[in-house]
PDB file of N, CA and C in Angstrom:
ATOM      1  N   MET A   1     263.666   2.923 173.079  1.00  0.00           N
ATOM      2  CA  MET A   1     264.913   3.082 173.796  1.00  0.00           C
ATOM      3  C   MET A   1     264.825   4.330 174.674  1.00  0.00           C
ATOM      4  N   SER A   2     265.260   4.235 175.921  1.00  0.00           N
ATOM      5  CA  SER A   2     265.154   5.377 176.828  1.00  0.00           C
ATOM      6  C   SER A   2     266.452   6.179 176.835  1.00  0.00           C
ATOM      7  N   ASP A   3     266.353   7.395 177.341  1.00  0.00           N
ATOM      8  CA  ASP A   3     267.514   8.278 177.418  1.00  0.00           C
ATOM      9  C   ASP A   3     268.221   8.169 178.759  1.00  0.00           C
ATOM     10  N   SER A   4     267.830   7.237 179.622  1.00  0.00           N
ATOM     11  CA  SER A   4     268.447   7.103 180.939  1.00  0.00           C
ATOM     12  C   SER A   4     269.766   6.342 180.828  1.00  0.00           C
ATOM     13  N   THR A   5     270.638   6.571 181.814  1.00  0.00           N
ATOM     14  CA  THR A   5     271.913   5.865 181.862  1.00  0.00           C
ATOM     15  C   THR A   5     271.998   5.080 183.164  1.00  0.00           C
ATOM     16  N   LEU A   6     272.656   3.961 183.133  1.00  0.00           N
ATOM     17  CA  LEU A   6     272.836   3.098 184.278  1.00  0.00           C
ATOM     18  C   LEU A   6     273.917   3.672 185.177  1.00  0.00           C
ATOM     19  N   VAL A   7     273.643   3.834 186.481  1.00  0.00           N
ATOM     20  CA  VAL A   7     274.648   4.325 187.411  1.00  0.00           C
ATOM     21  C   VAL A   7     274.976   3.325 188.509  1.00  0.00           C
ATOM     22  N   TYR A   8     274.119   2.304 188.678  1.00  0.00           N
ATOM     23  CA  TYR A   8     274.377   1.290 189.689  1.00  0.00           C
ATOM     24  C   TYR A   8     273.766  -0.022 189.226  1.00  0.00           C
ATOM     25  N   SER A   9     274.477  -1.101 189.448  1.00  0.00           N
ATOM     26  CA  SER A   9     273.971  -2.422 189.120  1.00  0.00           C
ATOM     27  C   SER A   9     274.174  -3.320 190.331  1.00  0.00           C
ATOM     28  N   SER A  10     273.189  -4.135 190.658  1.00  0.00           N
ATOM     29  CA  SER A  10     273.319  -5.032 191.804  1.00  0.00           C
ATOM     30  C   SER A  10     274.373  -6.107 191.551  1.00  0.00           C
ATOM     31  N   GLU A  11     274.718  -6.348 190.295  1.00  0.00           N
ATOM     32  CA  GLU A  11     275.753  -7.329 189.965  1.00  0.00           C
ATOM     33  C   GLU A  11     277.158  -6.797 190.212  1.00  0.00           C
ATOM     34  N   SER A  12     277.401  -5.532 189.825  1.00  0.00           N
ATOM     35  CA  SER A  12     278.770  -5.027 189.865  1.00  0.00           C
ATOM     36  C   SER A  12     278.969  -3.772 190.691  1.00  0.00           C
ATOM     37  N   GLY A  13     277.933  -3.189 191.272  1.00  0.00           N
ATOM     38  CA  GLY A  13     278.084  -1.962 192.058  1.00  0.00           C
ATOM     39  C   GLY A  13     278.011  -0.727 191.186  1.00  0.00           C
ATOM     40  N   ARG A  14     278.803   0.299 191.514  1.00  0.00           N
ATOM     41  CA  ARG A  14     278.774   1.561 190.766  1.00  0.00           C
ATOM     42  C   ARG A  14     279.263   1.348 189.342  1.00  0.00           C
ATOM     43  N   VAL A  15     278.660   2.093 188.416  1.00  0.00           N
ATOM     44  CA  VAL A  15     278.918   1.926 186.992  1.00  0.00           C
ATOM     45  C   VAL A  15     279.326   3.262 186.392  1.00  0.00           C
ATOM     46  N   CYS A  16     280.281   3.244 185.479  1.00  0.00           N
ATOM     47  CA  CYS A  16     280.739   4.444 184.783  1.00  0.00           C
ATOM     48  C   CYS A  16     279.601   4.997 183.915  1.00  0.00           C
ATOM     49  N   PRO A  17     279.298   6.296 184.012  1.00  0.00           N
ATOM     50  CA  PRO A  17     278.213   6.849 183.203  1.00  0.00           C
ATOM     51  C   PRO A  17     278.541   6.920 181.709  1.00  0.00           C
ATOM     52  N   GLN A  18     279.813   6.959 181.330  1.00  0.00           N
ATOM     53  CA  GLN A  18     280.179   7.045 179.917  1.00  0.00           C
ATOM     54  C   GLN A  18     280.105   5.692 179.228  1.00  0.00           C
ATOM     55  N   CYS A  19     280.761   4.677 179.798  1.00  0.00           N
ATOM     56  CA  CYS A  19     280.863   3.385 179.116  1.00  0.00           C
ATOM     57  C   CYS A  19     279.946   2.319 179.710  1.00  0.00           C
ATOM     58  N   GLU A  20     279.296   2.628 180.837  1.00  0.00           N
ATOM     59  CA  GLU A  20     278.407   1.714 181.547  1.00  0.00           C
ATOM     60  C   GLU A  20     279.093   0.410 181.955  1.00  0.00           C
ATOM     61  N   GLN A  21     280.385   0.486 182.218  1.00  0.00           N
ATOM     62  CA  GLN A  21     281.153  -0.641 182.745  1.00  0.00           C
ATOM     63  C   GLN A  21     281.322  -0.429 184.254  1.00  0.00           C
ATOM     64  N   PRO A  22     281.559  -1.499 185.044  1.00  0.00           N
ATOM     65  CA  PRO A  22     281.856  -1.312 186.466  1.00  0.00           C
ATOM     66  C   PRO A  22     283.070  -0.394 186.635  1.00  0.00           C
ATOM     67  N   LEU A  23     283.046   0.463 187.655  1.00  0.00           N
ATOM     68  CA  LEU A  23     284.119   1.447 187.829  1.00  0.00           C
ATOM     69  C   LEU A  23     285.494   0.819 187.977  1.00  0.00           C
ATOM     70  N   ASP A  24     285.579  -0.383 188.560  1.00  0.00           N
ATOM     71  CA  ASP A  24     286.907  -0.989 188.734  1.00  0.00           C
ATOM     72  C   ASP A  24     287.509  -1.486 187.421  1.00  0.00           C
ATOM     73  N   VAL A  25     286.722  -1.578 186.351  1.00  0.00           N
ATOM     74  CA  VAL A  25     287.262  -1.962 185.040  1.00  0.00           C
ATOM     75  C   VAL A  25     286.951  -0.900 183.983  1.00  0.00           C
ATOM     76  N   CYS A  26     286.637   0.298 184.416  1.00  0.00           N
ATOM     77  CA  CYS A  26     286.259   1.386 183.513  1.00  0.00           C
ATOM     78  C   CYS A  26     287.435   1.786 182.621  1.00  0.00           C
ATOM     79  N   PRO A  27     287.262   1.758 181.297  1.00  0.00           N
ATOM     80  CA  PRO A  27     288.340   2.141 180.393  1.00  0.00           C
ATOM     81  C   PRO A  27     288.415   3.650 180.141  1.00  0.00           C
ATOM     82  N   CYS A  28     287.530   4.417 180.746  1.00  0.00           N
ATOM     83  CA  CYS A  28     287.474   5.853 180.461  1.00  0.00           C
ATOM     84  C   CYS A  28     288.720   6.600 180.927  1.00  0.00           C
ATOM     85  N   ASN A  29     289.314   6.198 182.020  1.00  0.00           N
ATOM     86  CA  ASN A  29     290.555   6.817 182.478  1.00  0.00           C
ATOM     87  C   ASN A  29     291.493   5.717 182.942  1.00  0.00           C
ATOM     88  N   PRO A  30     292.480   5.368 182.131  1.00  0.00           N
ATOM     89  CA  PRO A  30     293.371   4.263 182.486  1.00  0.00           C
ATOM     90  C   PRO A  30     294.236   4.533 183.708  1.00  0.00           C
ATOM     91  N   SER A  31     294.331   5.796 184.160  1.00  0.00           N
ATOM     92  CA  SER A  31     295.175   6.093 185.308  1.00  0.00           C
ATOM     93  C   SER A  31     294.466   5.852 186.632  1.00  0.00           C
ATOM     94  N   ALA A  32     293.165   5.602 186.610  1.00  0.00           N
ATOM     95  CA  ALA A  32     292.415   5.401 187.844  1.00  0.00           C
ATOM     96  C   ALA A  32     292.818   4.073 188.490  1.00  0.00           C
ATOM     97  N   HIS A  33     293.102   4.126 189.781  1.00  0.00           N
ATOM     98  CA  HIS A  33     293.468   2.934 190.538  1.00  0.00           C
ATOM     99  C   HIS A  33     292.206   2.109 190.776  1.00  0.00           C
ATOM    100  N   PRO A  34     292.235   0.798 190.530  1.00  0.00           N
ATOM    101  CA  PRO A  34     291.018  -0.014 190.622  1.00  0.00           C
ATOM    102  C   PRO A  34     290.371  -0.050 192.002  1.00  0.00           C
ATOM    103  N   LYS A  35     291.133   0.146 193.076  1.00  0.00           N
ATOM    104  CA  LYS A  35     290.560   0.080 194.425  1.00  0.00           C
ATOM    105  C   LYS A  35     290.084   1.439 194.918  1.00  0.00           C
ATOM    106  N   ASP A  36     290.313   2.503 194.168  1.00  0.00           N
ATOM    107  CA  ASP A  36     289.895   3.845 194.574  1.00  0.00           C
ATOM    108  C   ASP A  36     288.441   4.082 194.224  1.00  0.00           C
ATOM    109  N   GLY A  37     287.816   4.961 195.001  1.00  0.00           N
ATOM    110  CA  GLY A  37     286.440   5.346 194.741  1.00  0.00           C
ATOM    111  C   GLY A  37     286.362   6.315 193.573  1.00  0.00           C
ATOM    112  N   PRO A  38     285.148   6.662 193.154  1.00  0.00           N
ATOM    113  CA  PRO A  38     284.975   7.535 191.996  1.00  0.00           C
ATOM    114  C   PRO A  38     285.450   8.968 192.227  1.00  0.00           C
ATOM    115  N   LYS A  39     285.601   9.396 193.478  1.00  0.00           N
ATOM    116  CA  LYS A  39     286.052  10.756 193.761  1.00  0.00           C
ATOM    117  C   LYS A  39     287.480  10.782 194.317  1.00  0.00           C
ATOM    118  N   THR A  40     288.226   9.685 194.183  1.00  0.00           N
ATOM    119  CA  THR A  40     289.586   9.603 194.703  1.00  0.00           C
ATOM    120  C   THR A  40     290.593   9.930 193.612  1.00  0.00           C
ATOM    121  N   VAL A  41     291.546  10.798 193.967  1.00  0.00           N
ATOM    122  CA  VAL A  41     292.591  11.234 193.045  1.00  0.00           C
ATOM    123  C   VAL A  41     293.936  11.019 193.729  1.00  0.00           C
ATOM    124  N   ARG A  42     294.923  10.607 192.971  1.00  0.00           N
ATOM    125  CA  ARG A  42     296.274  10.428 193.519  1.00  0.00           C
ATOM    126  C   ARG A  42     297.203  11.505 192.954  1.00  0.00           C
ATOM    127  N   VAL A  43     297.889  12.206 193.857  1.00  0.00           N
ATOM    128  CA  VAL A  43     298.826  13.259 193.469  1.00  0.00           C
ATOM    129  C   VAL A  43     300.213  12.826 193.929  1.00  0.00           C
ATOM    130  N   SER A  44     301.186  12.867 193.014  1.00  0.00           N
ATOM    131  CA  SER A  44     302.546  12.464 193.362  1.00  0.00           C
ATOM    132  C   SER A  44     303.560  13.345 192.643  1.00  0.00           C
ATOM    133  N   VAL A  45     304.793  13.292 193.142  1.00  0.00           N
ATOM    134  CA  VAL A  45     305.899  14.043 192.539  1.00  0.00           C
ATOM    135  C   VAL A  45     306.958  13.037 192.116  1.00  0.00           C
ATOM    136  N   SER A  46     307.510  13.238 190.919  1.00  0.00           N
ATOM    137  CA  SER A  46     308.483  12.290 190.386  1.00  0.00           C
ATOM    138  C   SER A  46     309.597  13.028 189.658  1.00  0.00           C
ATOM    139  N   ARG A  47     310.776  12.389 189.623  1.00  0.00           N
ATOM    140  CA  ARG A  47     311.910  12.899 188.845  1.00  0.00           C
ATOM    141  C   ARG A  47     312.450  11.854 187.891  1.00  0.00           C
ATOM    142  N   GLN A  48     312.019  10.622 188.055  1.00  0.00           N
ATOM    143  CA  GLN A  48     312.589   9.521 187.284  1.00  0.00           C
ATOM    144  C   GLN A  48     312.267   9.649 185.803  1.00  0.00           C
ATOM    145  N   GLY A  49     313.299   9.467 184.992  1.00  0.00           N
ATOM    146  CA  GLY A  49     313.131   9.490 183.551  1.00  0.00           C
ATOM    147  C   GLY A  49     312.912  10.868 182.968  1.00  0.00           C
ATOM    148  N   ARG A  50     313.236  11.906 183.744  1.00  0.00           N
ATOM    149  CA  ARG A  50     313.008  13.276 183.276  1.00  0.00           C
ATOM    150  C   ARG A  50     314.256  14.143 183.408  1.00  0.00           C
ATOM    151  N   LYS A  51     315.417  13.511 183.413  1.00  0.00           N
ATOM    152  CA  LYS A  51     316.705  14.203 183.502  1.00  0.00           C
ATOM    153  C   LYS A  51     316.780  15.127 184.717  1.00  0.00           C
ATOM    154  N   GLY A  52     316.253  14.684 185.861  1.00  0.00           N
ATOM    155  CA  GLY A  52     316.333  15.444 187.096  1.00  0.00           C
ATOM    156  C   GLY A  52     315.253  16.496 187.268  1.00  0.00           C
ATOM    157  N   LYS A  53     314.401  16.683 186.294  1.00  0.00           N
ATOM    158  CA  LYS A  53     313.327  17.674 186.389  1.00  0.00           C
ATOM    159  C   LYS A  53     312.170  17.092 187.198  1.00  0.00           C
ATOM    160  N   THR A  54     311.569  17.907 188.055  1.00  0.00           N
ATOM    161  CA  THR A  54     310.467  17.470 188.904  1.00  0.00           C
ATOM    162  C   THR A  54     309.142  17.656 188.178  1.00  0.00           C
ATOM    163  N   VAL A  55     308.263  16.660 188.306  1.00  0.00           N
ATOM    164  CA  VAL A  55     306.942  16.700 187.685  1.00  0.00           C
ATOM    165  C   VAL A  55     305.910  16.259 188.718  1.00  0.00           C
ATOM    166  N   THR A  56     304.814  17.008 188.823  1.00  0.00           N
ATOM    167  CA  THR A  56     303.697  16.639 189.683  1.00  0.00           C
ATOM    168  C   THR A  56     302.673  15.910 188.820  1.00  0.00           C
ATOM    169  N   SER A  57     302.285  14.699 189.238  1.00  0.00           N
ATOM    170  CA  SER A  57     301.325  13.892 188.482  1.00  0.00           C
ATOM    171  C   SER A  57     300.000  13.819 189.224  1.00  0.00           C
ATOM    172  N   VAL A  58     298.917  13.957 188.473  1.00  0.00           N
ATOM    173  CA  VAL A  58     297.564  13.822 189.020  1.00  0.00           C
ATOM    174  C   VAL A  58     296.907  12.660 188.283  1.00  0.00           C
ATOM    175  N   LYS A  59     296.610  11.582 189.021  1.00  0.00           N
ATOM    176  CA  LYS A  59     296.063  10.364 188.415  1.00  0.00           C
ATOM    177  C   LYS A  59     294.690  10.061 188.999  1.00  0.00           C
ATOM    178  N   GLY A  60     293.843   9.458 188.185  1.00  0.00           N
ATOM    179  CA  GLY A  60     292.582   8.943 188.678  1.00  0.00           C
ATOM    180  C   GLY A  60     291.387   9.855 188.537  1.00  0.00           C
ATOM    181  N   LEU A  61     291.536  10.984 187.861  1.00  0.00           N
ATOM    182  CA  LEU A  61     290.373  11.842 187.636  1.00  0.00           C
ATOM    183  C   LEU A  61     289.445  11.140 186.658  1.00  0.00           C
ATOM    184  N   ARG A  62     288.271  10.797 187.102  1.00  0.00           N
ATOM    185  CA  ARG A  62     287.323  10.069 186.248  1.00  0.00           C
ATOM    186  C   ARG A  62     286.503  11.084 185.468  1.00  0.00           C
ATOM    187  N   MET A  63     287.050  11.452 184.314  1.00  0.00           N
ATOM    188  CA  MET A  63     286.428  12.422 183.414  1.00  0.00           C
ATOM    189  C   MET A  63     286.627  11.952 181.986  1.00  0.00           C
ATOM    190  N   THR A  64     285.875  12.540 181.081  1.00  0.00           N
ATOM    191  CA  THR A  64     286.091  12.246 179.670  1.00  0.00           C
ATOM    192  C   THR A  64     287.388  12.906 179.226  1.00  0.00           C
ATOM    193  N   SER A  65     287.889  12.536 178.075  1.00  0.00           N
ATOM    194  CA  SER A  65     289.148  13.096 177.565  1.00  0.00           C
ATOM    195  C   SER A  65     289.076  14.607 177.422  1.00  0.00           C
ATOM    196  N   ALA A  66     287.956  15.107 176.901  1.00  0.00           N
ATOM    197  CA  ALA A  66     287.810  16.554 176.720  1.00  0.00           C
ATOM    198  C   ALA A  66     287.780  17.276 178.067  1.00  0.00           C
ATOM    199  N   ASP A  67     287.076  16.705 179.045  1.00  0.00           N
ATOM    200  CA  ASP A  67     287.027  17.315 180.376  1.00  0.00           C
ATOM    201  C   ASP A  67     288.390  17.283 181.049  1.00  0.00           C
ATOM    202  N   LEU A  68     289.128  16.177 180.871  1.00  0.00           N
ATOM    203  CA  LEU A  68     290.483  16.080 181.447  1.00  0.00           C
ATOM    204  C   LEU A  68     291.405  17.140 180.859  1.00  0.00           C
ATOM    205  N   LYS A  69     291.305  17.344 179.556  1.00  0.00           N
ATOM    206  CA  LYS A  69     292.155  18.342 178.897  1.00  0.00           C
ATOM    207  C   LYS A  69     291.850  19.743 179.437  1.00  0.00           C
ATOM    208  N   ALA A  70     290.581  20.054 179.600  1.00  0.00           N
ATOM    209  CA  ALA A  70     290.183  21.355 180.143  1.00  0.00           C
ATOM    210  C   ALA A  70     290.630  21.491 181.596  1.00  0.00           C
ATOM    211  N   TYR A  71     290.504  20.410 182.370  1.00  0.00           N
ATOM    212  CA  TYR A  71     290.897  20.447 183.779  1.00  0.00           C
ATOM    213  C   TYR A  71     292.414  20.596 183.921  1.00  0.00           C
ATOM    214  N   ALA A  72     293.167  19.950 183.032  1.00  0.00           N
ATOM    215  CA  ALA A  72     294.629  20.094 183.043  1.00  0.00           C
ATOM    216  C   ALA A  72     294.999  21.564 182.799  1.00  0.00           C
ATOM    217  N   GLY A  73     294.325  22.204 181.855  1.00  0.00           N
ATOM    218  CA  GLY A  73     294.576  23.620 181.589  1.00  0.00           C
ATOM    219  C   GLY A  73     294.271  24.481 182.798  1.00  0.00           C
ATOM    220  N   LYS A  74     293.201  24.148 183.498  1.00  0.00           N
ATOM    221  CA  LYS A  74     292.830  24.895 184.703  1.00  0.00           C
ATOM    222  C   LYS A  74     293.903  24.762 185.783  1.00  0.00           C
ATOM    223  N   LEU A  75     294.401  23.525 186.005  1.00  0.00           N
ATOM    224  CA  LEU A  75     295.445  23.304 187.015  1.00  0.00           C
ATOM    225  C   LEU A  75     296.739  24.021 186.642  1.00  0.00           C
ATOM    226  N   LYS A  76     297.115  23.954 185.366  1.00  0.00           N
ATOM    227  CA  LYS A  76     298.345  24.616 184.919  1.00  0.00           C
ATOM    228  C   LYS A  76     298.237  26.122 185.114  1.00  0.00           C
ATOM    229  N   LYS A  77     297.087  26.674 184.818  1.00  0.00           N
ATOM    230  CA  LYS A  77     296.879  28.109 184.971  1.00  0.00           C
ATOM    231  C   LYS A  77     296.914  28.509 186.451  1.00  0.00           C
ATOM    232  N   LYS A  78     296.333  27.676 187.301  1.00  0.00           N
ATOM    233  CA  LYS A  78     296.292  27.958 188.734  1.00  0.00           C
ATOM    234  C   LYS A  78     297.690  28.034 189.340  1.00  0.00           C
ATOM    235  N   VAL A  79     298.587  27.117 188.943  1.00  0.00           N
ATOM    236  CA  VAL A  79     299.933  27.102 189.515  1.00  0.00           C
ATOM    237  C   VAL A  79     300.936  27.885 188.669  1.00  0.00           C
ATOM    238  N   GLY A  80     300.532  28.300 187.473  1.00  0.00           N
ATOM    239  CA  GLY A  80     301.411  29.102 186.620  1.00  0.00           C
ATOM    240  C   GLY A  80     302.569  28.315 186.052  1.00  0.00           C
ATOM    241  N   SER A  81     302.302  27.104 185.598  1.00  0.00           N
ATOM    242  CA  SER A  81     303.361  26.259 185.072  1.00  0.00           C
ATOM    243  C   SER A  81     302.857  25.493 183.854  1.00  0.00           C
ATOM    244  N   GLY A  82     303.787  24.953 183.090  1.00  0.00           N
ATOM    245  CA  GLY A  82     303.432  24.149 181.926  1.00  0.00           C
ATOM    246  C   GLY A  82     303.152  22.720 182.322  1.00  0.00           C
ATOM    247  N   GLY A  83     302.671  21.951 181.375  1.00  0.00           N
ATOM    248  CA  GLY A  83     302.388  20.556 181.651  1.00  0.00           C
ATOM    249  C   GLY A  83     301.756  19.890 180.459  1.00  0.00           C
ATOM    250  N   THR A  84     301.308  18.657 180.667  1.00  0.00           N
ATOM    251  CA  THR A  84     300.715  17.874 179.585  1.00  0.00           C
ATOM    252  C   THR A  84     299.721  16.872 180.139  1.00  0.00           C
ATOM    253  N   LEU A  85     299.004  16.242 179.231  1.00  0.00           N
ATOM    254  CA  LEU A  85     298.077  15.176 179.570  1.00  0.00           C
ATOM    255  C   LEU A  85     298.507  13.937 178.789  1.00  0.00           C
ATOM    256  N   LYS A  86     298.887  12.867 179.523  1.00  0.00           N
ATOM    257  CA  LYS A  86     299.342  11.632 178.883  1.00  0.00           C
ATOM    258  C   LYS A  86     298.574  10.454 179.452  1.00  0.00           C
ATOM    259  N   GLU A  87     297.798   9.773 178.615  1.00  0.00           N
ATOM    260  CA  GLU A  87     297.079   8.558 178.989  1.00  0.00           C
ATOM    261  C   GLU A  87     296.273   8.720 180.275  1.00  0.00           C
ATOM    262  N   GLY A  88     295.563   9.825 180.407  1.00  0.00           N
ATOM    263  CA  GLY A  88     294.713  10.065 181.565  1.00  0.00           C
ATOM    264  C   GLY A  88     295.430  10.618 182.777  1.00  0.00           C
ATOM    265  N   VAL A  89     296.732  10.880 182.674  1.00  0.00           N
ATOM    266  CA  VAL A  89     297.518  11.428 183.774  1.00  0.00           C
ATOM    267  C   VAL A  89     297.893  12.870 183.436  1.00  0.00           C
ATOM    268  N   ILE A  90     297.568  13.786 184.349  1.00  0.00           N
ATOM    269  CA  ILE A  90     297.967  15.186 184.169  1.00  0.00           C
ATOM    270  C   ILE A  90     299.353  15.341 184.777  1.00  0.00           C
ATOM    271  N   GLU A  91     300.310  15.822 183.973  1.00  0.00           N
ATOM    272  CA  GLU A  91     301.671  16.055 184.447  1.00  0.00           C
ATOM    273  C   GLU A  91     301.938  17.550 184.395  1.00  0.00           C
ATOM    274  N   ILE A  92     302.335  18.128 185.543  1.00  0.00           N
ATOM    275  CA  ILE A  92     302.619  19.556 185.635  1.00  0.00           C
ATOM    276  C   ILE A  92     304.075  19.732 186.025  1.00  0.00           C
ATOM    277  N   GLN A  93     304.772  20.605 185.308  1.00  0.00           N
ATOM    278  CA  GLN A  93     306.201  20.810 185.529  1.00  0.00           C
ATOM    279  C   GLN A  93     306.427  21.504 186.861  1.00  0.00           C
ATOM    280  N   GLY A  94     307.238  20.870 187.722  1.00  0.00           N
ATOM    281  CA  GLY A  94     307.564  21.431 189.021  1.00  0.00           C
ATOM    282  C   GLY A  94     306.860  20.684 190.145  1.00  0.00           C
ATOM    283  N   ASP A  95     307.236  21.026 191.386  1.00  0.00           N
ATOM    284  CA  ASP A  95     306.642  20.404 192.569  1.00  0.00           C
ATOM    285  C   ASP A  95     305.510  21.298 193.079  1.00  0.00           C
ATOM    286  N   TYR A  96     304.292  20.983 192.657  1.00  0.00           N
ATOM    287  CA  TYR A  96     303.118  21.754 193.051  1.00  0.00           C
ATOM    288  C   TYR A  96     302.117  20.865 193.781  1.00  0.00           C
ATOM    289  N   ARG A  97     302.629  19.892 194.521  1.00  0.00           N
ATOM    290  CA  ARG A  97     301.761  18.943 195.209  1.00  0.00           C
ATOM    291  C   ARG A  97     300.807  19.637 196.184  1.00  0.00           C
ATOM    292  N   ASP A  98     301.302  20.572 196.991  1.00  0.00           N
ATOM    293  CA  ASP A  98     300.455  21.224 197.993  1.00  0.00           C
ATOM    294  C   ASP A  98     299.365  22.104 197.383  1.00  0.00           C
ATOM    295  N   PRO A  99     299.682  23.027 196.449  1.00  0.00           N
ATOM    296  CA  PRO A  99     298.592  23.842 195.893  1.00  0.00           C
ATOM    297  C   PRO A  99     297.586  23.032 195.077  1.00  0.00           C
ATOM    298  N   ILE A 100     298.047  21.998 194.378  1.00  0.00           N
ATOM    299  CA  ILE A 100     297.122  21.172 193.601  1.00  0.00           C
ATOM    300  C   ILE A 100     296.237  20.354 194.529  1.00  0.00           C
ATOM    301  N   THR A 101     296.818  19.819 195.601  1.00  0.00           N
ATOM    302  CA  THR A 101     296.034  19.075 196.583  1.00  0.00           C
ATOM    303  C   THR A 101     294.968  19.963 197.202  1.00  0.00           C
ATOM    304  N   ALA A 102     295.338  21.181 197.567  1.00  0.00           N
ATOM    305  CA  ALA A 102     294.376  22.112 198.163  1.00  0.00           C
ATOM    306  C   ALA A 102     293.238  22.422 197.190  1.00  0.00           C
ATOM    307  N   LEU A 103     293.556  22.653 195.933  1.00  0.00           N
ATOM    308  CA  LEU A 103     292.538  22.956 194.932  1.00  0.00           C
ATOM    309  C   LEU A 103     291.606  21.768 194.719  1.00  0.00           C
ATOM    310  N   LEU A 104     292.169  20.562 194.615  1.00  0.00           N
ATOM    311  CA  LEU A 104     291.350  19.363 194.405  1.00  0.00           C
ATOM    312  C   LEU A 104     290.424  19.118 195.592  1.00  0.00           C
ATOM    313  N   ARG A 105     290.933  19.279 196.810  1.00  0.00           N
ATOM    314  CA  ARG A 105     290.092  19.088 197.998  1.00  0.00           C
ATOM    315  C   ARG A 105     288.987  20.135 198.066  1.00  0.00           C
ATOM    316  N   GLN A 106     289.302  21.352 197.674  1.00  0.00           N
ATOM    317  CA  GLN A 106     288.316  22.429 197.661  1.00  0.00           C
ATOM    318  C   GLN A 106     287.172  22.094 196.693  1.00  0.00           C
ATOM    319  N   GLU A 107     287.476  21.381 195.621  1.00  0.00           N
ATOM    320  CA  GLU A 107     286.477  21.014 194.630  1.00  0.00           C
ATOM    321  C   GLU A 107     285.794  19.674 194.937  1.00  0.00           C
ATOM    322  N   GLY A 108     286.096  19.093 196.103  1.00  0.00           N
ATOM    323  CA  GLY A 108     285.377  17.900 196.544  1.00  0.00           C
ATOM    324  C   GLY A 108     286.038  16.563 196.236  1.00  0.00           C
ATOM    325  N   TRP A 109     287.278  16.559 195.780  1.00  0.00           N
ATOM    326  CA  TRP A 109     287.975  15.306 195.497  1.00  0.00           C
ATOM    327  C   TRP A 109     288.630  14.786 196.768  1.00  0.00           C
ATOM    328  N   ASP A 110     288.730  13.485 196.907  1.00  0.00           N
ATOM    329  CA  ASP A 110     289.447  12.828 197.993  1.00  0.00           C
ATOM    330  C   ASP A 110     290.866  12.576 197.476  1.00  0.00           C
ATOM    331  N   VAL A 111     291.858  13.263 198.048  1.00  0.00           N
ATOM    332  CA  VAL A 111     293.231  13.214 197.529  1.00  0.00           C
ATOM    333  C   VAL A 111     294.094  12.278 198.341  1.00  0.00           C
ATOM    334  N   LYS A 112     294.829  11.408 197.642  1.00  0.00           N
ATOM    335  CA  LYS A 112     295.815  10.522 198.273  1.00  0.00           C
ATOM    336  C   LYS A 112     297.176  10.862 197.679  1.00  0.00           C
ATOM    337  N   HIS A 113     298.211  10.664 198.506  1.00  0.00           N
ATOM    338  CA  HIS A 113     299.594  10.910 198.039  1.00  0.00           C
ATOM    339  C   HIS A 113     300.307   9.609 197.853  1.00  0.00           C
TER     340      HIS A 113
END
């Protein structure tokens, strides 16, 4: 058995390095949009279901659970606000769409709103 991992298959295209499934059906991050590329992240602001409180959501980061948790901490520290990680979605308290977008783009992510 070799230590190599599959990253591309002629049958399905790009493959998730963790689960070796096609990226459009990758179970590693349920928040990833199926039509987005591996470096595409969606940032949005919402108030619904939060008693009028604003929350910035970051969806589609294709990382392991441990990496997502660490990255959520980094984003919260950068903007100086609290937040959580729920089902692969980073939620940060407040409207921090612009600073989070700038940070993600600086780190090489393709950001959509």
